[in-house]
Protein backbone atom coordinates (compact mmCIF):
# COMPACT_ATOMS: atom_id res chain seq x y z
CA MET A 1 -23.58 126.16 14.49
CA LYS A 2 -22.86 129.87 14.44
CA LEU A 3 -24.56 131.68 17.33
CA SER A 4 -25.39 135.32 17.90
CA VAL A 5 -24.46 136.52 21.39
CA GLY A 6 -25.40 139.79 23.05
CA ILE A 7 -22.67 141.04 25.39
CA ILE A 8 -23.49 143.61 28.09
CA GLY A 9 -20.53 145.83 28.97
CA CYS A 10 -17.27 146.81 27.28
CA GLY A 11 -14.76 146.60 30.11
CA PRO A 12 -12.01 143.96 30.07
CA SER A 13 -14.57 141.15 30.53
CA GLY A 14 -16.79 142.25 27.65
CA LEU A 15 -13.83 142.80 25.32
CA VAL A 16 -12.24 139.42 25.93
CA THR A 17 -15.61 137.64 25.67
CA LEU A 18 -16.18 139.24 22.28
CA LYS A 19 -12.71 138.29 21.09
CA GLU A 20 -13.04 134.65 22.16
CA LEU A 21 -16.47 134.32 20.55
CA LEU A 22 -15.16 135.74 17.28
CA ASP A 23 -12.24 133.31 17.40
CA GLU A 24 -14.78 130.47 17.53
CA GLY A 25 -16.68 131.88 14.56
CA HIS A 26 -19.68 133.19 16.45
CA GLN A 27 -21.32 136.59 16.08
CA GLY A 28 -20.85 138.78 19.13
CA THR A 29 -22.29 142.23 19.73
CA VAL A 30 -21.21 144.39 22.68
CA PHE A 31 -23.43 147.08 24.18
CA GLU A 32 -21.65 149.78 26.18
CA LYS A 33 -23.47 152.66 27.83
CA THR A 34 -20.45 155.00 27.69
CA SER A 35 -18.57 156.28 24.65
CA HIS A 36 -15.39 154.31 25.29
CA VAL A 37 -13.75 150.98 25.95
CA GLY A 38 -12.47 150.23 29.44
CA GLY A 39 -15.33 150.19 31.93
CA ILE A 40 -14.39 151.16 35.49
CA PHE A 41 -10.80 151.97 34.51
CA ARG A 42 -12.02 154.99 32.55
CA THR A 43 -14.32 156.30 35.27
CA ALA A 44 -12.29 155.72 38.46
CA TYR A 45 -9.96 158.32 39.96
CA GLN A 46 -7.44 158.79 37.15
CA GLN A 47 -4.48 159.35 39.46
CA GLY A 48 -4.74 155.70 40.45
CA PHE A 49 -2.43 152.81 39.59
CA MET A 50 -3.09 149.12 39.18
CA VAL A 51 -2.17 146.81 42.06
CA SER A 52 -1.09 143.97 39.80
CA SER A 53 1.72 144.27 37.28
CA ASN A 54 1.31 144.11 33.52
CA LEU A 55 2.60 140.51 33.59
CA ILE A 56 -0.21 139.35 35.86
CA THR A 57 -2.96 141.57 34.42
CA MET A 58 -2.41 141.16 30.69
CA PHE A 59 -4.40 138.74 28.55
CA SER A 60 -2.73 135.55 27.44
CA ASP A 61 -2.06 136.49 23.81
CA PHE A 62 -1.55 140.26 23.83
CA VAL A 63 1.43 141.97 25.44
CA GLY A 64 0.64 145.53 24.36
CA ARG A 65 2.37 148.33 22.55
CA GLU A 66 5.57 148.20 24.62
CA GLY A 67 6.28 144.62 23.57
CA ASP A 68 9.32 142.85 24.96
CA HIS A 69 10.46 145.93 26.87
CA ILE A 70 7.60 145.69 29.37
CA LEU A 71 8.04 141.90 29.67
CA GLU A 72 11.63 142.44 30.74
CA ASN A 73 10.87 145.60 32.75
CA PRO A 74 7.41 144.98 34.26
CA ARG A 75 5.59 147.67 36.22
CA MET A 76 2.23 148.68 37.60
CA LEU A 77 0.31 150.52 34.90
CA SER A 78 -1.72 153.59 35.74
CA PHE A 79 -5.45 153.41 35.12
CA ILE A 80 -4.90 155.59 32.06
CA GLU A 81 -2.20 153.26 30.71
CA TYR A 82 -4.34 150.19 31.28
CA SER A 83 -7.25 151.87 29.50
CA GLN A 84 -4.88 152.41 26.58
CA TYR A 85 -3.94 148.71 26.72
CA LEU A 86 -7.62 147.81 26.35
CA ASP A 87 -7.99 150.26 23.46
CA ASP A 88 -5.00 148.64 21.77
CA TYR A 89 -6.45 145.19 22.42
CA ALA A 90 -9.72 146.19 20.73
CA ASP A 91 -7.83 147.55 17.73
CA HIS A 92 -5.39 144.64 17.46
CA PHE A 93 -8.16 142.04 17.28
CA LYS A 94 -10.47 144.30 15.22
CA LEU A 95 -13.24 144.33 17.82
CA ARG A 96 -14.61 147.86 17.39
CA PRO A 97 -17.03 147.09 14.52
CA HIS A 98 -18.85 144.77 16.92
CA ILE A 99 -19.23 147.36 19.72
CA HIS A 100 -22.24 149.68 20.08
CA PHE A 101 -21.22 152.64 22.22
CA GLU A 102 -23.60 154.98 24.06
CA THR A 103 -26.15 152.18 24.09
CA TYR A 104 -27.99 151.41 27.31
CA VAL A 105 -29.37 147.92 27.92
CA GLN A 106 -32.67 148.50 29.63
CA SER A 107 -34.02 144.96 29.74
CA VAL A 108 -33.19 141.34 28.88
CA TRP A 109 -35.79 138.58 28.80
CA GLN A 110 -36.27 135.18 27.20
CA ASP A 111 -38.75 134.55 24.43
CA THR A 112 -40.48 131.41 25.67
CA PRO A 113 -41.68 129.94 22.33
CA THR A 114 -38.26 130.17 20.63
CA GLY A 115 -35.89 130.04 23.61
CA LYS A 116 -34.04 133.06 22.22
CA TRP A 117 -33.20 136.18 24.23
CA ASN A 118 -34.68 139.61 23.65
CA MET A 119 -32.78 142.77 24.56
CA ARG A 120 -34.35 146.21 24.80
CA ILE A 121 -31.77 148.93 24.14
CA PHE A 122 -31.80 152.74 24.17
CA LYS A 123 -29.52 154.98 22.13
CA ASN A 124 -28.99 158.72 21.79
CA GLU A 125 -29.82 159.41 25.44
CA GLY A 126 -32.99 157.34 25.27
CA LYS A 127 -34.39 158.93 22.13
CA GLU A 128 -34.07 155.74 20.09
CA GLN A 129 -35.35 152.37 21.24
CA ASP A 130 -34.91 148.95 19.69
CA ILE A 131 -35.48 145.31 20.56
CA LEU A 132 -32.86 142.85 19.37
CA GLN A 133 -32.78 139.08 19.56
CA PHE A 134 -29.86 136.75 20.38
CA ASP A 135 -29.20 133.08 20.90
CA ARG A 136 -27.32 133.71 24.12
CA ILE A 137 -26.44 136.53 26.50
CA ALA A 138 -23.10 137.25 28.19
CA VAL A 139 -23.39 139.50 31.25
CA CYS A 140 -20.10 141.44 31.51
CA SER A 141 -21.44 144.51 33.29
CA GLY A 142 -18.81 144.35 36.04
CA THR A 143 -18.79 144.24 39.81
CA HIS A 144 -18.83 148.03 40.28
CA GLN A 145 -22.42 148.85 39.37
CA LYS A 146 -24.22 149.35 42.70
CA ARG A 147 -22.45 150.99 45.61
CA GLU A 148 -22.49 149.29 48.96
CA MET A 149 -22.87 152.04 51.56
CA PRO A 150 -22.97 151.56 55.34
CA ASN A 151 -25.78 153.07 57.38
CA PHE A 152 -24.30 154.91 60.32
CA ILE A 153 -26.26 155.58 63.48
CA GLY A 154 -27.03 159.29 63.60
CA GLN A 155 -25.99 160.01 60.01
CA GLU A 156 -29.12 162.11 59.41
CA GLN A 157 -27.77 164.74 61.83
CA PHE A 158 -24.22 164.66 60.50
CA ARG A 159 -23.39 167.84 58.58
CA GLY A 160 -20.21 166.64 56.91
CA GLU A 161 -20.32 164.91 53.54
CA ILE A 162 -20.64 161.12 53.29
CA LYS A 163 -19.22 159.92 49.99
CA HIS A 164 -18.48 156.68 48.22
CA LEU A 165 -15.13 155.94 46.63
CA GLN A 166 -16.70 156.47 43.20
CA ASP A 167 -17.33 160.13 44.06
CA ILE A 168 -13.59 160.84 44.29
CA LYS A 169 -12.12 162.00 41.00
CA GLU A 170 -9.14 164.15 42.02
CA PHE A 171 -6.96 163.71 45.10
CA GLN A 172 -6.57 167.49 45.37
CA ASP A 173 -10.25 167.64 46.40
CA PHE A 174 -9.10 166.64 49.89
CA THR A 175 -7.10 169.86 50.28
CA GLY A 176 -7.62 171.47 53.69
CA LYS A 177 -10.15 168.86 54.89
CA ARG A 178 -10.38 166.54 57.86
CA VAL A 179 -11.29 163.20 56.31
CA CYS A 180 -12.20 159.75 57.60
CA ILE A 181 -11.71 156.79 55.24
CA VAL A 182 -13.78 153.68 55.90
CA GLY A 183 -12.31 150.36 54.70
CA SER A 184 -8.96 148.64 54.41
CA GLY A 185 -8.69 147.44 50.83
CA GLU A 186 -6.51 148.77 48.04
CA SER A 187 -8.72 151.73 47.17
CA ALA A 188 -9.03 152.64 50.85
CA SER A 189 -5.24 152.56 51.06
CA ASP A 190 -5.05 154.96 48.10
CA MET A 191 -7.63 157.24 49.69
CA ALA A 192 -5.89 157.19 53.08
CA LEU A 193 -2.63 158.30 51.50
CA ALA A 194 -4.26 160.95 49.32
CA SER A 195 -6.36 162.43 52.14
CA ALA A 196 -3.38 162.42 54.51
CA LYS A 197 -1.10 163.98 51.93
CA TYR A 198 -3.44 166.69 50.64
CA GLY A 199 -5.85 167.10 53.55
CA LYS A 200 -5.57 168.71 56.94
CA GLN A 201 -5.95 165.45 58.91
CA SER A 202 -6.78 161.89 57.89
CA PHE A 203 -8.24 158.95 59.81
CA ILE A 204 -8.85 155.41 58.57
CA SER A 205 -11.57 153.32 60.17
CA ILE A 206 -10.93 149.56 59.98
CA ARG A 207 -13.65 147.31 61.34
CA LYS A 208 -11.55 144.23 62.02
CA ASP A 209 -8.36 143.07 60.30
CA HIS A 210 -7.02 144.84 57.25
CA GLY A 211 -6.03 142.90 54.15
CA ALA A 212 -2.57 141.39 54.03
CA ILE A 213 -0.49 144.43 53.06
CA VAL A 214 1.96 144.00 50.22
CA PRO A 215 3.53 147.09 48.64
CA ARG A 216 3.19 147.52 44.91
CA TYR A 217 6.98 147.38 44.57
CA MET A 218 9.67 145.56 46.51
CA ASP A 219 13.36 146.16 45.79
CA GLY A 220 12.36 148.15 42.71
CA ARG A 221 10.32 145.37 41.11
CA PRO A 222 6.57 144.62 41.19
CA SER A 223 5.80 142.52 44.24
CA ASP A 224 3.56 140.13 42.36
CA LEU A 225 6.51 138.73 40.42
CA GLU A 226 6.78 136.43 43.44
CA THR A 227 3.25 135.03 43.00
CA SER A 228 4.52 131.77 41.57
CA ARG A 229 2.94 128.35 41.22
CA ALA A 230 5.40 127.03 43.79
CA LEU A 231 4.34 129.65 46.33
CA HIS A 232 0.59 129.25 45.85
CA SER A 233 0.57 125.49 45.40
CA ASN A 234 1.91 124.87 48.89
CA PRO A 235 -0.91 123.50 51.08
CA HIS A 236 -3.20 126.08 52.57
CA ALA A 237 -3.08 124.32 55.95
CA PHE A 238 0.44 125.65 56.45
CA GLY A 239 -0.41 129.20 55.42
CA VAL A 240 0.30 130.75 58.83
CA TYR A 241 3.75 129.18 58.98
CA GLN A 242 4.44 130.17 55.40
CA SER A 243 3.39 133.74 56.12
CA CYS A 244 5.48 133.91 59.28
CA PHE A 245 8.52 132.60 57.45
CA LEU A 246 8.20 135.20 54.67
CA LEU A 247 7.59 138.07 57.13
CA TYR A 248 10.47 137.15 59.43
CA TYR A 249 12.75 136.55 56.45
CA SER A 250 11.93 140.07 55.21
CA LEU A 251 12.61 141.43 58.68
CA PHE A 252 15.96 139.57 58.82
CA LEU A 253 17.03 140.97 55.44
CA ALA A 254 16.05 144.49 56.52
CA LEU A 255 18.16 144.18 59.69
CA ILE A 256 21.16 142.88 57.75
CA ALA A 257 20.82 145.68 55.21
CA ARG A 258 20.75 148.33 57.94
CA LEU A 259 23.56 146.72 59.93
CA PHE A 260 25.95 146.66 56.99
CA GLY A 261 24.75 149.88 55.37
CA TYR A 262 23.32 148.29 52.21
CA ASP A 263 19.99 150.08 52.52
CA LYS A 264 20.49 153.58 51.09
CA ARG A 265 16.83 154.56 51.16
CA PRO A 266 15.57 157.56 53.13
CA PRO A 267 14.62 156.75 56.75
CA ALA A 268 10.93 157.37 56.02
CA GLU A 269 10.90 154.66 53.33
CA VAL A 270 12.57 152.21 55.70
CA GLU A 271 10.01 153.07 58.37
CA VAL A 272 7.13 152.41 55.93
CA ASP A 273 8.41 148.87 55.31
CA ARG A 274 8.83 148.37 59.05
CA GLN A 275 5.26 149.54 59.63
CA ILE A 276 3.95 147.06 57.02
CA LEU A 277 5.82 144.20 58.68
CA LEU A 278 4.50 145.11 62.14
CA MET A 279 0.91 145.47 60.90
CA ASN A 280 1.02 142.11 59.10
CA LEU A 281 2.69 140.34 62.02
CA ALA A 282 0.10 141.69 64.46
CA GLN A 283 -2.66 139.79 62.63
CA VAL A 284 -0.73 136.95 61.00
CA ARG A 285 -2.81 134.22 62.64
CA THR A 286 -6.17 135.68 61.70
CA SER A 287 -5.40 137.49 58.46
CA ASN A 288 -2.42 136.61 56.28
CA TYR A 289 -1.76 136.34 52.58
CA ARG A 290 -3.07 132.75 52.46
CA ASN A 291 -6.44 133.32 54.16
CA SER A 292 -7.31 136.93 53.34
CA PHE A 293 -7.67 139.33 50.46
CA GLY A 294 -4.54 141.27 49.65
CA THR A 295 -4.13 144.99 50.13
CA LYS A 296 -1.51 145.20 47.41
CA ASN A 297 -0.70 148.78 48.18
CA SER A 298 1.48 150.37 50.87
CA GLY A 299 -0.51 153.62 50.90
CA LEU A 300 -2.05 152.89 54.31
CA ALA A 301 1.33 152.42 56.01
CA GLU A 302 2.80 155.37 54.12
CA ALA A 303 -0.07 157.61 55.21
CA MET A 304 0.50 156.65 58.85
CA VAL A 305 4.28 157.04 58.78
CA LYS A 306 4.75 160.07 56.54
CA TYR A 307 1.55 162.07 56.97
CA SER A 308 0.25 161.23 60.47
CA CYS A 309 -2.87 159.38 59.36
CA ARG A 310 -4.42 157.79 62.44
CA ARG A 311 -5.97 154.33 62.52
CA LYS A 312 -9.38 154.02 64.17
CA PRO A 313 -11.77 151.12 64.83
CA ASP A 314 -15.29 150.79 63.44
CA ILE A 315 -17.58 153.84 63.52
CA ARG A 316 -20.13 153.54 66.33
CA GLU A 317 -22.20 156.62 65.52
CA LEU A 318 -22.23 160.10 64.03
CA LYS A 319 -23.22 163.24 65.92
CA SER A 320 -24.13 166.77 64.97
CA PRO A 321 -22.64 168.76 63.53
CA ALA A 322 -19.57 166.83 62.33
CA THR A 323 -18.46 164.37 65.01
CA ILE A 324 -17.56 160.69 64.64
CA VAL A 325 -17.69 158.38 67.66
CA PHE A 326 -15.66 155.20 67.20
CA ALA A 327 -16.15 151.74 68.72
CA ASP A 328 -13.44 152.34 71.33
CA GLY A 329 -15.26 155.43 72.64
CA THR A 330 -12.89 157.98 71.13
CA GLN A 331 -14.31 160.71 68.95
CA GLU A 332 -13.14 163.16 66.34
CA ASP A 333 -14.77 166.54 65.69
CA ASP A 334 -14.99 168.84 62.68
CA ILE A 335 -14.92 166.02 60.12
CA ASP A 336 -15.51 167.42 56.65
CA GLU A 337 -15.87 164.12 54.76
CA ILE A 338 -16.37 160.41 55.29
CA VAL A 339 -15.26 158.41 52.25
CA CYS A 340 -16.67 154.87 52.21
CA CYS A 341 -14.40 152.40 50.42
CA THR A 342 -16.87 149.66 51.21
CA GLY A 343 -17.19 147.96 47.85
CA PHE A 344 -20.10 147.19 45.60
CA GLU A 345 -23.04 144.81 45.31
CA ASN A 346 -23.65 142.59 42.31
CA ARG A 347 -26.91 143.81 40.76
CA PHE A 348 -28.51 143.14 37.38
CA PRO A 349 -31.30 145.68 36.86
CA PHE A 350 -31.82 144.61 33.23
CA LEU A 351 -33.01 141.22 34.54
CA GLU A 352 -35.45 142.77 37.01
CA THR A 353 -37.72 144.85 34.76
CA ASP A 354 -41.36 144.71 33.74
CA ASP A 355 -40.42 142.72 30.63
CA ASN A 356 -39.68 139.67 32.76
CA LYS A 357 -41.54 140.38 35.99
CA ASN A 358 -43.66 137.27 35.43
CA ASP A 359 -40.69 135.06 34.59
CA GLU A 360 -39.94 133.38 37.91
CA ILE A 361 -36.79 131.71 36.58
CA ILE A 362 -35.14 134.98 35.48
CA GLN A 363 -36.14 136.68 38.71
CA GLN A 364 -34.55 133.82 40.66
CA VAL A 365 -31.37 133.98 38.58
CA ALA A 366 -31.10 137.76 39.06
CA LYS A 367 -31.39 137.28 42.81
CA ASP A 368 -29.03 134.30 43.14
CA ALA A 369 -26.35 135.78 40.88
CA ARG A 370 -25.74 138.55 43.42
CA ILE A 371 -23.73 135.94 45.35
CA SER A 372 -21.26 135.12 42.64
CA HIS A 373 -19.56 132.12 44.24
CA ASP A 374 -22.90 130.27 44.42
CA LEU A 375 -22.98 130.12 40.62
CA TYR A 376 -21.23 127.20 38.94
CA LYS A 377 -17.66 128.43 38.41
CA HIS A 378 -18.92 131.98 39.15
CA CYS A 379 -20.57 131.91 35.70
CA VAL A 380 -23.57 129.61 35.33
CA HIS A 381 -26.92 129.41 37.11
CA VAL A 382 -28.40 125.93 36.90
CA LEU A 383 -31.81 127.29 35.80
CA THR A 384 -30.49 129.01 32.67
CA GLY A 385 -27.30 127.05 31.95
CA ASP A 386 -24.92 128.60 29.45
CA ASN A 387 -27.72 130.54 27.73
CA LEU A 388 -27.20 133.35 30.25
CA PHE A 389 -23.53 133.48 31.15
CA PHE A 390 -21.80 135.74 33.70
CA VAL A 391 -18.22 136.85 32.99
CA GLY A 392 -15.91 138.82 35.29
CA PHE A 393 -17.71 138.34 38.60
CA VAL A 394 -14.68 136.89 40.33
CA ARG A 395 -12.05 138.60 42.47
CA PRO A 396 -8.81 136.84 43.35
CA SER A 397 -7.37 137.51 46.79
CA PHE A 398 -4.02 138.03 45.04
CA GLY A 399 -3.91 138.44 41.28
CA ALA A 400 -6.18 140.25 38.82
CA ILE A 401 -9.73 139.99 37.51
CA PRO A 402 -9.13 140.43 33.72
CA PRO A 403 -7.10 137.21 33.22
CA LEU A 404 -9.70 135.19 35.14
CA ALA A 405 -12.40 136.76 32.98
CA GLU A 406 -10.42 135.58 29.95
CA MET A 407 -10.55 131.99 31.20
CA GLN A 408 -14.31 132.32 31.68
CA ALA A 409 -14.70 133.78 28.19
CA ARG A 410 -12.69 130.96 26.62
CA TRP A 411 -14.89 128.43 28.40
CA PHE A 412 -18.06 130.21 27.26
CA ALA A 413 -16.89 130.27 23.64
CA GLN A 414 -16.24 126.52 23.75
CA LEU A 415 -19.68 125.93 25.27
CA CYS A 416 -21.27 127.99 22.50
CA SER A 417 -19.52 125.84 19.90
CA GLY A 418 -20.62 122.63 21.55
CA ASN A 419 -17.01 121.51 22.06
CA ILE A 420 -17.70 121.30 25.79
CA LYS A 421 -20.93 120.44 27.57
CA LEU A 422 -22.09 121.53 30.98
CA PRO A 423 -22.58 118.73 33.51
CA SER A 424 -26.04 117.90 34.80
CA ARG A 425 -27.84 120.29 37.13
CA GLU A 426 -27.29 117.93 40.04
CA THR A 427 -23.55 117.78 39.37
CA MET A 428 -23.25 121.57 39.04
CA ILE A 429 -25.07 122.07 42.36
CA GLU A 430 -22.87 119.49 44.09
CA HIS A 431 -19.65 120.93 42.67
CA SER A 432 -20.69 124.48 43.58
CA LYS A 433 -21.28 123.44 47.19
CA ILE A 434 -17.83 121.81 47.34
CA TYR A 435 -16.28 124.95 45.84
CA VAL A 436 -17.95 127.23 48.40
CA LYS A 437 -16.75 124.99 51.24
CA TYR A 438 -13.27 125.09 49.73
CA ILE A 439 -13.00 128.88 49.54
CA GLU A 440 -14.58 129.29 52.98
CA ASN A 441 -11.95 126.93 54.36
CA GLN A 442 -9.19 128.74 52.52
CA LEU A 443 -10.30 132.37 52.90
CA THR A 444 -12.66 132.03 55.90
CA SER A 445 -16.44 132.32 55.72
CA TYR A 446 -16.24 135.79 57.32
CA ARG A 447 -14.49 137.14 54.23
CA THR A 448 -16.23 135.10 51.53
CA ASN A 449 -19.67 136.04 52.90
CA ARG A 450 -18.74 139.73 52.67
CA ILE A 451 -16.81 139.58 49.39
CA VAL A 452 -18.94 137.18 47.40
CA ASN A 453 -16.66 137.21 44.33
CA LEU A 454 -13.54 136.19 46.27
CA THR A 455 -11.41 133.27 45.06
CA ASP A 456 -7.85 131.98 44.73
CA HIS A 457 -6.17 133.08 41.49
CA LEU A 458 -4.12 129.95 40.77
CA VAL A 459 -6.66 127.39 41.95
CA TYR A 460 -9.46 129.00 39.97
CA SER A 461 -7.33 129.46 36.83
CA ASP A 462 -6.19 125.84 36.85
CA ASP A 463 -9.70 124.59 37.55
CA MET A 464 -11.04 126.53 34.54
CA ALA A 465 -8.10 125.36 32.41
CA ARG A 466 -9.06 121.74 33.11
CA LEU A 467 -12.53 122.44 31.72
CA ILE A 468 -11.06 124.02 28.59
CA SER A 469 -8.28 121.39 28.27
CA CYS A 470 -5.61 124.09 28.19
CA ARG A 471 -3.77 123.31 31.44
CA PRO A 472 -0.24 122.24 30.48
CA ASN A 473 1.00 118.76 31.32
CA PHE A 474 3.65 119.85 33.79
CA LEU A 475 4.95 116.31 34.35
CA LYS A 476 5.67 115.93 30.64
CA MET A 477 7.12 119.46 30.55
CA PHE A 478 9.50 118.54 33.40
CA PHE A 479 11.15 115.86 31.25
CA CYS A 480 10.85 117.48 27.81
CA GLU A 481 11.32 121.21 28.52
CA PRO A 482 12.88 121.58 31.99
CA LYS A 483 13.80 125.25 31.49
CA LEU A 484 10.22 126.11 30.57
CA TRP A 485 8.98 124.02 33.51
CA ILE A 486 11.16 125.90 35.98
CA ARG A 487 9.90 129.24 34.67
CA CYS A 488 6.27 128.09 34.89
CA GLN A 489 6.75 126.89 38.46
CA MET A 490 8.84 129.74 39.85
CA GLY A 491 7.92 132.64 37.57
CA PRO A 492 4.77 134.77 38.06
CA ILE A 493 1.43 133.14 37.34
CA MET A 494 0.49 134.27 33.83
CA MET A 495 -2.26 133.46 31.38
CA ALA A 496 0.41 132.66 28.76
CA HIS A 497 0.73 129.28 30.56
CA TYR A 498 -2.71 128.42 29.19
CA ARG A 499 -1.82 129.17 25.56
CA LEU A 500 0.78 126.39 25.44
CA CYS A 501 -1.92 123.86 24.57
CA GLY A 502 -5.66 123.50 24.11
CA PRO A 503 -8.10 125.36 21.84
CA HIS A 504 -6.60 128.38 20.07
CA ALA A 505 -3.21 127.58 21.54
CA LYS A 506 -0.33 129.81 20.52
CA PRO A 507 2.59 127.73 21.84
CA ALA A 508 5.39 129.61 20.10
CA GLU A 509 4.21 133.01 21.34
CA ALA A 510 3.44 131.63 24.81
CA ARG A 511 6.93 130.14 25.12
CA ARG A 512 8.48 133.39 23.96
CA ILE A 513 6.57 135.38 26.60
CA ILE A 514 7.36 132.94 29.41
CA HIS A 515 11.06 132.86 28.57
CA LYS A 516 11.20 136.63 28.14
CA ILE A 517 9.57 137.78 31.36
CA LYS A 518 11.41 138.98 34.41
CA TRP A 519 11.10 136.63 37.37
CA VAL A 520 12.43 136.31 40.90
CA HIS A 521 14.71 133.50 42.07
CA GLY A 522 15.94 133.97 45.64
CA LEU A 523 16.12 131.88 48.81
CA PRO A 524 12.38 132.11 49.71
CA GLU A 525 11.38 131.07 46.20
CA ILE A 526 13.77 128.11 46.25
CA LEU A 527 12.55 127.00 49.69
CA GLN A 528 8.90 127.26 48.61
CA PHE A 529 9.78 125.23 45.53
CA ILE A 530 11.36 122.50 47.67
CA MET A 531 8.59 122.52 50.27
CA ILE A 532 5.83 121.77 47.79
CA PHE A 533 7.46 118.47 46.85
CA ILE A 534 8.08 117.57 50.48
CA HIS A 535 4.39 118.21 51.17
CA PHE A 536 3.44 116.10 48.16
CA LEU A 537 5.49 113.14 49.44
CA PHE A 538 3.76 113.32 52.83
CA TYR A 539 0.39 113.45 51.05
CA TYR A 540 1.02 110.76 48.43
CA PHE A 541 2.94 108.23 50.49
CA GLY A 542 1.82 109.15 54.01
CA GLY A 543 -1.83 109.81 53.25
CA ILE A 544 -1.76 113.14 55.13
CA LYS A 545 -4.57 115.07 53.43
CA ARG A 546 -3.59 118.46 54.83
CA CYS A 547 -0.34 118.15 52.80
CA LYS A 548 -2.25 117.96 49.50
CA PRO A 549 -0.79 120.67 47.21
CA ASN A 550 -3.18 123.39 46.03
CA ALA A 551 -4.04 123.45 42.32
CA TRP A 552 -2.44 120.07 41.64
CA TYR A 553 -5.92 118.55 41.77
CA PRO A 554 -9.39 119.82 40.82
CA VAL A 555 -11.32 121.59 43.56
CA THR A 556 -13.97 118.86 43.35
CA GLU A 557 -11.40 116.40 44.74
CA TRP A 558 -10.72 118.60 47.75
CA LEU A 559 -12.97 116.62 50.11
CA SER A 560 -11.65 113.24 48.95
């Protein structure tokens, strides 16, 4: 049966949801409050660059205007370039006729007698109002809607400006200022570098550990080309040892390069890499690339080495007129700005309006959905099932959100067509609890309680692919297409893997992309590749559960 689906938001999640619904023959309509495609990538500071390469970020069946050239020469796109990619995606799949721009979704509520969903929209700056009806609703409004701002002791007497990351549009605005950046993620790293480079003096306040720092580029290539299945399938229990090996191996190579004069880079660039290694090693047991979010950006280290940015602990209090007192008792005076790179809260104001104030179910869903990982697969609340579906509320510790949103959209489209059914409420609740335990064990409860969208890119992708029946049979591939198998195991994790089979598979194009891409094959990659099979033998024949490879089994089997 053909369904009509209302889609809220026209960022990457909304676009790919529309495309997948149209592929299944449904009618999708996107409502976007701005005048353009792209969501946050069109409103963020436009001097910014992505922290995942085009290979990792792109959708499974659309390379973009640069074609094979960018597959063979991958890079980090700027926000402007990625916005263009989304524009091209909308044009390529003829999505624009289904998008209503400059349309604000004020309220969404369910019509009890019919079970359909009503949507109150405003156009022309609120001058025109309409109520539309749909069979289902896809919430693709993004994770950057409501700012999460800290409350500092004494901030009412502070005379400097306290801003959120979203307030920063041009790096040159820092010129001549003494600035304190709060946070340690990728955006905070950008802000630390920009404020140190353009400002008078920069400080960065980090409450505890920073994310595992990985520069955007290593040896002239995007760092995430090394995010292979082999690397991320190795058991999480050995993450500290794996991290130590990779860090010390990098340190060994750097020493060899300097000793024999292979490293021709300027001393400052060498010192930045050294600073990254030292910062990661200092916290390797508590925060490494296997148990933390990634700060896939060397801006923090570069700011400290090149521009004298100074690291500080948590802010204890603010004093008049412009003084910050830090947790270690030190203080800095004459601070012009505090920029809070402290993230966002999931909020859904269109579910919390007068139109559904008496609907206890919708009110409960709106509240519970703020903690994304408590939903079934980050998408489904048990009270509304797939009638109200959340897309894009998932953040991989290493990887990118848009490809995970694509997997969610493909699943939603299959649910709409009836090709897949949701399990019972009891099963969804049980599986969600197992999933939360899994990510807390893998990424620590401290981080997952703060970053409620956090997940593992490969594990989540493969888990979704099992639902859609588009995860390749790698055992069969090993015997029938060994070259393709090697590239899938040791090349970067890409959504093209999931177009080799399953609904709307494009095997010829997927094979072409996988064979065409640039990938890394050095000693660490080979050792990781070998280690995963050694771990598997200990698990399968020795019964040692901690050797169970990640992603080889569904998350629901984690406790077994």
